[in-house]
């Protein structure tokens, strides 16, 4: 029975991407490895962008009221000031 490939979480994909960037920035990789790491980095970047877009869409759906989406800017300072009142 073939094992299913588990989809990486956003955090694990981002961590792997950061490691790839460090490897590429070191400049010590042979060209073939650098190209392979770059290709993997592009794939991870796309996966992260898709996960962020999906999360943003879910938030918009959750913020929907009376059939209309209410997009509110997130400003932590405003939230803290509102809590103090």
Protein backbone atom coordinates (compact mmCIF):
# COMPACT_ATOMS: atom_id res chain seq x y z
CA UNK A 1 0.00 0.00 0.00
CA UNK A 2 1.43 3.36 -1.04
CA UNK A 3 1.83 5.96 1.67
CA UNK A 4 -0.03 9.22 1.16
CA UNK A 5 2.10 12.34 1.05
CA UNK A 6 1.15 14.53 3.98
CA UNK A 7 0.58 18.19 3.17
CA UNK A 8 2.98 20.39 5.07
CA UNK A 9 1.60 22.94 7.48
CA UNK A 10 2.20 26.60 6.72
CA UNK A 11 4.68 26.82 9.57
CA UNK A 12 6.71 23.79 8.47
CA UNK A 13 6.75 24.99 4.85
CA UNK A 14 7.92 28.43 5.97
CA UNK A 15 10.63 26.91 8.16
CA UNK A 16 11.89 24.77 5.29
CA UNK A 17 11.85 27.81 3.01
CA UNK A 18 13.94 29.77 5.52
CA UNK A 19 16.47 26.93 5.66
CA UNK A 20 16.67 26.84 1.86
CA UNK A 21 17.27 30.58 1.73
CA UNK A 22 20.11 30.26 4.24
CA UNK A 23 21.68 27.46 2.17
CA UNK A 24 21.39 29.48 -1.02
CA UNK A 25 22.74 32.65 0.58
CA UNK A 26 25.79 30.79 1.84
CA UNK A 27 27.03 30.50 -1.76
CA UNK A 28 28.73 27.19 -0.99
CA UNK A 29 26.38 24.96 -2.98
CA UNK A 30 27.21 23.34 -6.28
CA UNK A 31 25.07 24.66 -9.13
CA UNK A 32 22.87 21.55 -9.35
CA UNK A 33 22.05 21.66 -5.64
CA UNK A 34 21.43 25.40 -5.76
CA UNK A 35 18.99 24.96 -8.66
CA UNK A 36 17.24 22.12 -6.87
CA UNK A 37 16.94 24.17 -3.68
CA UNK A 38 15.69 27.16 -5.67
CA UNK A 39 13.01 25.04 -7.37
CA UNK A 40 11.92 23.66 -3.99
CA UNK A 41 11.83 27.21 -2.61
CA UNK A 42 9.58 28.38 -5.43
CA UNK A 43 7.23 25.46 -4.78
CA UNK A 44 7.15 26.19 -1.04
CA UNK A 45 6.53 29.89 -1.70
CA UNK A 46 3.53 29.04 -3.87
CA UNK A 47 2.19 26.63 -1.24
CA UNK A 48 2.52 29.29 1.48
CA UNK A 49 0.80 31.89 -0.70
CA UNK A 50 -2.07 29.48 -1.36
CA UNK A 51 -2.43 28.68 2.34
CA UNK A 52 -2.47 32.39 3.22
CA UNK A 53 -5.07 33.12 0.54
CA UNK A 54 -7.21 30.26 1.82
CA UNK A 55 -6.93 31.50 5.40
CA UNK A 56 -7.84 35.03 4.29
CA UNK A 57 -10.93 33.70 2.50
CA UNK A 58 -11.99 31.75 5.60
CA UNK A 59 -11.64 34.88 7.73
CA UNK A 60 -13.78 36.84 5.26
CA UNK A 61 -16.46 34.15 5.40
CA UNK A 62 -16.39 34.20 9.20
CA UNK A 63 -16.70 37.99 9.20
CA UNK A 64 -19.79 37.87 6.97
CA UNK A 65 -22.88 39.50 8.48
CA UNK A 66 -26.30 39.69 6.84
CA UNK A 67 -24.90 38.54 3.52
CA UNK A 68 -22.25 41.26 3.46
CA UNK A 69 -18.59 40.91 4.25
CA UNK A 70 -17.33 43.41 6.76
CA UNK A 71 -13.62 43.83 6.28
CA UNK A 72 -12.09 45.48 9.30
CA UNK A 73 -8.45 46.57 9.38
CA UNK A 74 -6.43 44.86 12.07
CA UNK A 75 -4.62 47.31 14.30
CA UNK A 76 -3.48 45.85 17.60
CA UNK A 77 -3.15 49.30 19.15
CA UNK A 78 -6.80 50.12 18.34
CA UNK A 79 -7.88 46.79 19.84
CA UNK A 80 -5.94 47.48 23.02
CA UNK A 81 -7.35 50.98 23.32
CA UNK A 82 -10.88 49.61 22.86
CA UNK A 83 -10.33 47.04 25.60
CA UNK A 84 -9.21 49.71 28.07
CA UNK A 85 -12.49 51.61 27.79
